């Protein structure tokens, strides 16, 4: 067997993938990465962030960022794993990128983002939309950045859509015909389908965000679309982002901007062609100009959370008064509130009870004072329940570094002044 060795270099990435593979693997690359330029080059091993090695009849993919190497029998699964490593490599190289897990399709010059939901048919719908003439940006992960024109835009991956097999009957005749007339690789689990020129945006192409559509696949349901509140959309996006290197305050500001400027909907459907027709009708044009991203984020806001060094101080909440820790950011949406951790790596959702306690902590407050004030405000609520909730919330705030001890107020003692006569 002729082995091919070298380093797989992708446009836009400094680091490479070390290869020691067969021709079967190499032949799969243009099918999976048709519009992300790449080449096998010879260069220093130190430049690699990952490796793919054919050992016996199995491909082993390894990386310092993986818990353990993983082994696959064929290129399709191996490349699925490699795509994940490539996504993380892009984020490590450029910490100003926010990344969402989901599909993105261009409608009238803007992106409709379909955040990932298990078994909701995201990739199936992506291919059905491609078959209907829409341009695919991604069916898996979407990096976002603020472009020179001030718009928060999605960036195309140039990677082919990946379908889970077997294909559902509801994918429709148009999509099936599309698939049969495109290059592909597959195994028992997955099938990569290569779009033609114009059907898949090139790597690095950008388009502003137009809308969010959360998919809900329901057997037998006629396609329908309904609005989703800003708060529910923001909560869902927080779970879908995987920009762990970006400071959480920036993540919240970006996601908050998305949910305020891009209307969110829930698409309930079963038949893909019905869903395509409905989406085309809804997003044929945009009523308003794309919103400009706020300019209050300077370069320091994009400091990588991975570069911060912060360990919350151990606090005994039973003694003394407490206030908000410094450096905490707060974002609200439709009455729901979120906080970022001091270390920039965490995001915390405040339920209604926690919001009340967080408001008290704008001024120095002890647990005893918080209990007394909340008992006075909510006299019909059992006092023991309030006490338990206050203690639990203070404990959680302290554990996540959201609190700090209030400084003891120093008062100057009165001094009798002797004035000259």
Protein backbone atom coordinates (compact mmCIF):
# COMPACT_ATOMS: atom_id res chain seq x y z
CA UNK A 1 0.00 0.00 0.00
CA UNK A 2 1.36 3.41 -0.96
CA UNK A 3 1.31 5.73 2.02
CA UNK A 4 1.03 9.51 1.72
CA UNK A 5 2.84 11.56 4.32
CA UNK A 6 3.00 15.30 4.87
CA UNK A 7 1.04 18.08 6.49
CA UNK A 8 -2.50 19.06 5.55
CA UNK A 9 -2.58 22.86 5.35
CA UNK A 10 -5.88 24.77 5.21
CA UNK A 11 -6.27 28.39 4.16
CA UNK A 12 -6.74 30.62 7.18
CA UNK A 13 -5.04 28.26 9.63
CA UNK A 14 -1.41 28.52 10.64
CA UNK A 15 -1.33 25.07 12.25
CA UNK A 16 -1.51 21.91 10.12
CA UNK A 17 -2.64 18.30 10.38
CA UNK A 18 0.16 15.72 10.19
CA UNK A 19 -0.78 12.91 7.78
CA UNK A 20 0.37 9.35 7.24
CA UNK A 21 -2.56 7.95 5.28
CA UNK A 22 -3.59 6.10 2.13
CA UNK A 23 -4.98 7.43 -1.15
CA UNK A 24 -8.54 6.61 -0.05
CA UNK A 25 -8.32 9.23 2.69
CA UNK A 26 -6.69 11.82 0.43
CA UNK A 27 -9.35 11.29 -2.26
CA UNK A 28 -12.06 12.08 0.29
CA UNK A 29 -10.64 15.52 1.12
CA UNK A 30 -12.01 17.46 -1.89
CA UNK A 31 -15.42 15.84 -1.36
CA UNK A 32 -15.60 17.05 2.25
CA UNK A 33 -13.72 20.36 1.83
CA UNK A 34 -14.69 21.45 -1.72
CA UNK A 35 -14.57 25.19 -0.98
CA UNK A 36 -12.00 25.32 1.82
CA UNK A 37 -8.67 25.45 -0.05
CA UNK A 38 -6.15 22.95 1.28
CA UNK A 39 -2.96 21.20 0.23
CA UNK A 40 -0.58 18.55 1.50
CA UNK A 41 2.78 20.17 2.13
CA UNK A 42 6.10 19.20 3.66
CA UNK A 43 7.05 21.23 6.72
CA UNK A 44 8.13 21.09 10.36
CA UNK A 45 6.27 18.67 12.62
CA UNK A 46 5.98 21.40 15.28
CA UNK A 47 3.41 23.20 13.15
CA UNK A 48 0.77 20.46 13.60
CA UNK A 49 -2.19 20.69 15.98
CA UNK A 50 -3.49 17.22 15.10
CA UNK A 51 -2.52 14.06 13.24
CA UNK A 52 -4.23 11.35 11.21
CA UNK A 53 -2.37 8.06 10.87
CA UNK A 54 -3.42 4.87 9.14
CA UNK A 55 -2.41 2.02 11.43
CA UNK A 56 -3.26 -1.43 10.08
CA UNK A 57 -6.70 -0.90 8.59
CA UNK A 58 -7.79 1.89 10.93
CA UNK A 59 -7.34 5.66 10.99
CA UNK A 60 -6.15 7.15 14.26
CA UNK A 61 -6.75 10.84 14.88
CA UNK A 62 -4.85 12.41 17.77
CA UNK A 63 -4.38 15.87 19.20
CA UNK A 64 -3.00 17.41 22.40
CA UNK A 65 -6.46 18.96 22.80
CA UNK A 66 -8.25 15.57 22.77
CA UNK A 67 -8.60 13.45 25.90
CA UNK A 68 -7.55 10.35 23.98
CA UNK A 69 -6.82 9.43 20.35
CA UNK A 70 -9.84 8.11 18.47
CA UNK A 71 -9.89 5.30 15.92
CA UNK A 72 -12.12 4.85 12.88
CA UNK A 73 -12.45 2.28 10.12
CA UNK A 74 -13.08 4.68 7.22
CA UNK A 75 -12.39 8.25 6.06
CA UNK A 76 -15.97 9.48 6.61
CA UNK A 77 -15.96 9.13 10.40
CA UNK A 78 -12.34 10.24 10.58
CA UNK A 79 -13.15 13.44 8.75
CA UNK A 80 -16.18 14.05 10.99
CA UNK A 81 -13.79 14.06 13.94
CA UNK A 82 -11.22 16.16 12.09
CA UNK A 83 -13.85 18.83 11.32
CA UNK A 84 -14.41 19.27 15.05
CA UNK A 85 -10.68 19.71 15.63
CA UNK A 86 -10.50 22.23 12.77
CA UNK A 87 -13.31 24.27 14.34
CA UNK A 88 -11.44 24.42 17.64
CA UNK A 89 -8.19 25.28 15.87
CA UNK A 90 -9.84 28.30 14.25
CA UNK A 91 -11.09 29.52 17.62
CA UNK A 92 -7.71 29.05 19.27
CA UNK A 93 -6.04 31.02 16.50
CA UNK A 94 -8.58 33.87 16.51
CA UNK A 95 -10.18 34.43 19.92
CA UNK A 96 -12.33 37.27 18.55
CA UNK A 97 -14.52 34.70 16.79
CA UNK A 98 -17.79 33.63 18.33
CA UNK A 99 -18.88 30.21 17.12
CA UNK A 100 -22.37 28.73 17.08
CA UNK A 101 -23.31 25.09 16.61
CA UNK A 102 -25.87 25.05 13.84
CA UNK A 103 -26.61 25.46 10.15
CA UNK A 104 -26.67 28.74 8.22
CA UNK A 105 -28.29 29.36 4.83
CA UNK A 106 -28.32 32.59 2.82
CA UNK A 107 -31.69 34.18 2.09
CA UNK A 108 -31.75 37.47 0.17
CA UNK A 109 -28.21 38.37 1.23
CA UNK A 110 -28.53 37.49 4.92
CA UNK A 111 -28.12 34.34 6.95
CA UNK A 112 -30.91 32.37 8.53
CA UNK A 113 -29.30 30.39 11.33
CA UNK A 114 -30.73 27.06 12.43
CA UNK A 115 -29.23 26.37 15.89
CA UNK A 116 -28.47 22.71 16.44
CA UNK A 117 -31.21 20.65 18.06
CA UNK A 118 -30.90 16.90 18.42
CA UNK A 119 -32.72 14.93 15.71
CA UNK A 120 -34.44 18.05 14.35
CA UNK A 121 -33.24 17.50 10.78
CA UNK A 122 -30.80 20.43 10.54
CA UNK A 123 -28.56 18.84 7.89
CA UNK A 124 -31.47 17.28 6.02
CA UNK A 125 -33.15 20.67 5.76
CA UNK A 126 -29.82 22.22 4.71
CA UNK A 127 -29.58 19.86 1.73
CA UNK A 128 -33.25 20.41 0.87
CA UNK A 129 -32.62 24.17 0.84
CA UNK A 130 -29.51 23.71 -1.31
CA UNK A 131 -31.62 21.67 -3.72
CA UNK A 132 -34.03 24.63 -3.85
CA UNK A 133 -31.23 26.98 -4.93
CA UNK A 134 -30.17 28.47 -1.60
CA UNK A 135 -26.48 29.01 -0.79
CA UNK A 136 -25.20 26.97 2.15
CA UNK A 137 -22.75 28.56 4.59
CA UNK A 138 -22.58 25.60 6.96
CA UNK A 139 -24.61 22.74 8.35
CA UNK A 140 -22.46 22.29 11.48
CA UNK A 141 -20.59 25.25 12.96
CA UNK A 142 -20.71 28.95 12.15
CA UNK A 143 -17.95 31.36 13.21
CA UNK A 144 -19.12 34.94 13.64
CA UNK A 145 -17.20 38.20 13.50
CA UNK A 146 -17.82 41.93 13.20
CA UNK A 147 -16.92 42.84 9.61
CA UNK A 148 -15.44 46.14 8.44
CA UNK A 149 -18.91 47.49 7.68
CA UNK A 150 -19.87 47.06 11.35
CA UNK A 151 -22.18 44.07 10.81
CA UNK A 152 -22.06 40.91 12.90
CA UNK A 153 -21.66 38.33 10.15
CA UNK A 154 -21.36 34.59 9.74
CA UNK A 155 -18.31 33.09 8.03
CA UNK A 156 -18.60 30.21 5.61
CA UNK A 157 -16.68 27.02 6.34
CA UNK A 158 -16.56 25.72 2.77
CA UNK A 159 -17.34 22.23 4.13
CA UNK A 160 -19.90 19.91 2.52
CA UNK A 161 -23.13 19.09 4.39
CA UNK A 162 -23.15 15.79 6.26
CA UNK A 163 -26.33 13.74 6.29
CA UNK A 164 -27.16 11.10 8.86
CA UNK A 165 -28.21 7.77 7.33
CA UNK A 166 -30.66 6.35 6.55
CA UNK A 167 -32.23 9.36 4.88
CA UNK A 168 -35.76 10.13 6.11
CA UNK A 169 -38.63 9.67 3.67
CA UNK A 170 -39.65 13.27 4.35
CA UNK A 171 -36.51 14.71 2.72
CA UNK A 172 -38.43 15.07 -0.54
CA UNK A 173 -37.89 14.20 -4.19
CA UNK A 174 -35.97 17.41 -4.99
CA UNK A 175 -33.36 16.73 -2.32
CA UNK A 176 -33.02 13.06 -3.31
CA UNK A 177 -32.41 14.07 -6.92
CA UNK A 178 -29.90 16.69 -5.74
CA UNK A 179 -27.97 14.09 -3.72
CA UNK A 180 -27.87 11.57 -6.55
CA UNK A 181 -26.28 14.16 -8.86
CA UNK A 182 -23.51 15.26 -6.49
CA UNK A 183 -20.19 13.73 -5.44
CA UNK A 184 -20.31 11.99 -2.10
CA UNK A 185 -18.61 9.69 0.36
CA UNK A 186 -20.49 7.67 2.93
CA UNK A 187 -20.52 4.80 5.38
CA UNK A 188 -23.33 3.24 7.37
CA UNK A 189 -23.78 6.34 9.53
CA UNK A 190 -23.03 9.41 7.43
CA UNK A 191 -23.02 10.75 3.91
CA UNK A 192 -21.12 13.87 2.81
CA UNK A 193 -22.73 15.51 -0.24
CA UNK A 194 -20.61 17.97 -2.24
CA UNK A 195 -22.49 21.06 -3.48
CA UNK A 196 -21.60 22.51 -6.86
CA UNK A 197 -20.16 26.00 -7.41
CA UNK A 198 -22.64 28.57 -6.12
CA UNK A 199 -24.46 26.09 -3.90
CA UNK A 200 -21.87 26.34 -1.11
CA UNK A 201 -20.21 29.60 -0.11
CA UNK A 202 -16.43 29.72 -0.28
CA UNK A 203 -14.37 29.52 2.89
CA UNK A 204 -14.22 32.98 4.45
CA UNK A 205 -17.26 34.41 2.65
CA UNK A 206 -19.39 36.49 5.03
CA UNK A 207 -23.03 37.54 5.27
CA UNK A 208 -24.87 39.41 8.06
CA UNK A 209 -27.26 37.59 10.35
CA UNK A 210 -30.91 37.94 9.37
CA UNK A 211 -32.88 35.59 11.59
CA UNK A 212 -32.80 32.59 13.92
CA UNK A 213 -35.02 29.57 13.28
CA UNK A 214 -35.23 26.82 15.88
CA UNK A 215 -36.28 23.50 14.37
CA UNK A 216 -38.92 21.25 15.89
CA UNK A 217 -39.51 18.13 13.86
CA UNK A 218 -42.90 16.58 14.63
CA UNK A 219 -44.22 13.51 12.86
CA UNK A 220 -47.19 14.33 10.65
CA UNK A 221 -47.10 18.07 11.38
CA UNK A 222 -47.90 20.56 8.63
CA UNK A 223 -45.14 23.15 8.32
CA UNK A 224 -45.79 26.20 10.50
CA UNK A 225 -43.68 28.97 11.99
CA UNK A 226 -44.15 30.90 15.22
CA UNK A 227 -42.20 33.66 17.00
CA UNK A 228 -39.73 32.92 19.81
CA UNK A 229 -39.06 35.48 22.54
CA UNK A 230 -35.68 37.21 22.77
CA UNK A 231 -35.09 35.68 26.18
CA UNK A 232 -35.76 32.12 25.04
CA UNK A 233 -33.59 32.65 21.96
CA UNK A 234 -30.73 34.02 24.08
CA UNK A 235 -30.96 31.11 26.51
CA UNK A 236 -30.80 28.64 23.63
CA UNK A 237 -27.86 30.39 21.94
CA UNK A 238 -25.84 30.41 25.15
CA UNK A 239 -26.08 26.62 25.13
CA UNK A 240 -25.13 26.45 21.43
CA UNK A 241 -22.01 28.63 21.45
CA UNK A 242 -18.66 26.93 21.91
CA UNK A 243 -16.25 29.87 21.89
CA UNK A 244 -14.60 28.84 25.13
CA UNK A 245 -11.57 31.04 24.45
CA UNK A 246 -13.62 34.23 24.16
CA UNK A 247 -14.37 36.24 27.28
CA UNK A 248 -17.89 35.43 28.47
CA UNK A 249 -18.80 39.12 28.68
CA UNK A 250 -18.19 39.46 24.94
CA UNK A 251 -20.13 36.25 24.25
CA UNK A 252 -23.13 37.64 26.12
CA UNK A 253 -22.93 40.99 24.33
CA UNK A 254 -22.70 39.32 20.93
CA UNK A 255 -25.49 36.84 21.62
CA UNK A 256 -27.62 39.58 23.15
CA UNK A 257 -27.12 41.69 20.02
CA UNK A 258 -28.12 38.77 17.81
CA UNK A 259 -31.37 38.10 19.66
CA UNK A 260 -32.30 41.79 19.73
CA UNK A 261 -31.52 42.48 16.07
CA UNK A 262 -32.45 39.15 14.42
CA UNK A 263 -36.04 37.95 14.94
CA UNK A 264 -36.31 34.37 16.19
CA UNK A 265 -38.84 31.75 15.17
CA UNK A 266 -39.69 28.12 15.76
CA UNK A 267 -40.29 26.02 12.65
CA UNK A 268 -42.53 23.04 13.30
CA UNK A 269 -42.47 20.60 10.40
CA UNK A 270 -42.21 17.05 9.16
CA UNK A 271 -41.95 17.29 5.37
CA UNK A 272 -38.74 19.07 4.26
CA UNK A 273 -40.23 20.45 1.03
CA UNK A 274 -43.10 22.05 2.94
CA UNK A 275 -40.56 23.62 5.29
CA UNK A 276 -38.52 24.94 2.36
CA UNK A 277 -41.58 26.56 0.78
CA UNK A 278 -42.50 28.21 4.08
CA UNK A 279 -38.97 29.50 4.71
CA UNK A 280 -38.72 30.91 1.20
CA UNK A 281 -41.98 32.78 1.72
CA UNK A 282 -40.92 34.13 5.12
CA UNK A 283 -37.43 35.28 4.11
CA UNK A 284 -37.94 36.44 0.54
CA UNK A 285 -36.84 39.93 1.62
CA UNK A 286 -35.85 41.86 4.75
CA UNK A 287 -37.96 44.74 6.06
CA UNK A 288 -35.11 46.76 7.58
CA UNK A 289 -31.42 47.37 7.05
CA UNK A 290 -29.08 45.06 8.93
CA UNK A 291 -28.30 46.40 12.42
CA UNK A 292 -24.81 47.76 13.06
CA UNK A 293 -22.94 46.14 15.91
CA UNK A 294 -22.29 48.51 18.88
CA UNK A 295 -18.87 50.13 18.87
CA UNK A 296 -18.34 49.94 22.63
CA UNK A 297 -16.30 46.75 22.38
CA UNK A 298 -12.66 47.77 22.20
CA UNK A 299 -9.78 45.39 21.60
CA UNK A 300 -9.30 44.69 25.28
CA UNK A 301 -12.78 43.17 25.43
CA UNK A 302 -11.61 40.36 23.20
CA UNK A 303 -8.91 39.17 25.59
CA UNK A 304 -9.03 35.39 25.62
CA UNK A 305 -10.63 33.88 28.69
CA UNK A 306 -7.99 31.18 28.46
CA UNK A 307 -5.38 33.80 29.33
CA UNK A 308 -7.09 34.90 32.54
CA UNK A 309 -5.95 33.59 35.90
CA UNK A 310 -8.65 33.82 38.55
CA UNK A 311 -9.65 31.60 41.47
CA UNK A 312 -12.68 32.71 43.49
CA UNK A 313 -11.88 33.68 47.06
CA UNK A 314 -13.26 31.25 49.61
CA UNK A 315 -16.04 33.13 51.40
CA UNK A 316 -17.88 32.33 54.60
CA UNK A 317 -21.33 33.67 53.76
CA UNK A 318 -22.55 33.24 57.36
CA UNK A 319 -20.57 36.27 58.53
CA UNK A 320 -20.37 39.82 57.24
CA UNK A 321 -21.89 41.65 54.31
CA UNK A 322 -21.33 41.10 50.60
CA UNK A 323 -21.64 42.99 47.32
CA UNK A 324 -21.26 42.20 43.61
CA UNK A 325 -17.72 41.11 42.72
CA UNK A 326 -15.91 43.51 40.43
CA UNK A 327 -15.71 42.66 36.74
CA UNK A 328 -19.14 40.97 36.52
CA UNK A 329 -21.16 41.78 33.39
CA UNK A 330 -24.95 41.60 33.30
CA UNK A 331 -27.16 41.18 30.24
CA UNK A 332 -30.97 41.22 30.32
CA UNK A 333 -33.42 40.07 27.67
CA UNK A 334 -37.21 40.11 28.00
CA UNK A 335 -36.87 40.21 31.77
CA UNK A 336 -34.38 37.33 31.96
CA UNK A 337 -30.92 38.13 33.28
CA UNK A 338 -27.53 36.56 32.77
CA UNK A 339 -24.20 37.18 34.50
CA UNK A 340 -20.67 36.44 33.40
CA UNK A 341 -18.20 34.94 35.81
CA UNK A 342 -15.22 37.01 36.97
CA UNK A 343 -12.81 34.74 35.08
CA UNK A 344 -14.57 35.36 31.78
CA UNK A 345 -15.20 31.66 31.23
CA UNK A 346 -18.70 31.20 32.64
CA UNK A 347 -22.23 32.46 32.03
CA UNK A 348 -24.91 32.23 34.71
CA UNK A 349 -28.68 32.47 34.36
CA UNK A 350 -30.60 34.20 37.17
CA UNK A 351 -34.06 32.90 37.95
CA UNK A 352 -36.61 35.26 39.50
CA UNK A 353 -35.55 34.50 43.07
CA UNK A 354 -31.86 34.94 42.29
CA UNK A 355 -32.61 38.28 40.56
CA UNK A 356 -34.20 39.60 43.75
CA UNK A 357 -31.16 38.62 45.80
CA UNK A 358 -28.74 39.97 43.19
CA UNK A 359 -30.51 43.33 43.35
CA UNK A 360 -30.13 43.45 47.15
CA UNK A 361 -26.41 42.85 46.72
CA UNK A 362 -26.00 46.13 44.86
CA UNK A 363 -25.49 47.44 48.40
CA UNK A 364 -23.62 45.64 51.22
CA UNK A 365 -25.98 42.92 52.42
CA UNK A 366 -25.63 39.97 54.79
CA UNK A 367 -27.59 36.75 54.52
CA UNK A 368 -29.58 37.72 57.62
CA UNK A 369 -30.47 41.10 56.13
CA UNK A 370 -31.45 39.51 52.81
CA UNK A 371 -33.72 37.03 54.60
CA UNK A 372 -35.38 39.77 56.64
CA UNK A 373 -35.95 42.03 53.63
CA UNK A 374 -37.37 39.27 51.43
CA UNK A 375 -39.64 38.06 54.22
CA UNK A 376 -40.99 41.61 54.49
CA UNK A 377 -41.49 41.89 50.71
CA UNK A 378 -43.09 38.42 50.41
CA UNK A 379 -45.06 37.98 53.67
CA UNK A 380 -47.20 35.17 52.24
CA UNK A 381 -44.17 33.05 51.37
CA UNK A 382 -42.96 30.59 54.06
CA UNK A 383 -40.04 32.17 55.93
CA UNK A 384 -38.14 28.88 56.05
CA UNK A 385 -38.29 28.57 52.25
CA UNK A 386 -36.94 32.11 51.89
CA UNK A 387 -34.11 31.40 54.33
CA UNK A 388 -33.16 28.23 52.48
CA UNK A 389 -33.23 29.96 49.09
CA UNK A 390 -31.13 32.89 50.30
CA UNK A 391 -28.46 30.64 51.80
CA UNK A 392 -28.34 28.47 48.66
CA UNK A 393 -28.15 31.49 46.34
CA UNK A 394 -25.45 33.25 48.37
CA UNK A 395 -23.49 29.99 48.41
CA UNK A 396 -23.81 29.59 44.64
CA UNK A 397 -22.85 33.21 44.00
CA UNK A 398 -19.78 32.84 46.21
CA UNK A 399 -18.75 29.52 44.66
CA UNK A 400 -18.78 31.10 41.19
CA UNK A 401 -16.82 34.20 42.24
CA UNK A 402 -19.79 36.56 41.85
CA UNK A 403 -19.51 38.00 45.38
CA UNK A 404 -16.92 39.83 47.39
CA UNK A 405 -16.78 40.91 51.00
CA UNK A 406 -18.06 44.45 51.55
CA UNK A 407 -15.38 46.65 53.06
CA UNK A 408 -15.97 47.63 56.63
CA UNK A 409 -17.12 51.23 56.73
CA UNK A 410 -14.58 53.30 58.65
CA UNK A 411 -16.03 56.33 60.37
CA UNK A 412 -13.80 59.15 61.56
CA UNK A 413 -14.38 59.79 65.29
CA UNK A 414 -15.60 63.26 66.20
CA UNK A 415 -12.72 65.50 67.27
CA UNK A 416 -13.35 68.72 69.13
CA UNK A 417 -11.66 71.53 67.28
CA UNK A 418 -10.18 74.46 69.17
CA UNK A 419 -10.46 77.56 67.08
CA UNK A 420 -8.30 80.60 67.60
CA UNK A 421 -10.10 83.51 69.19
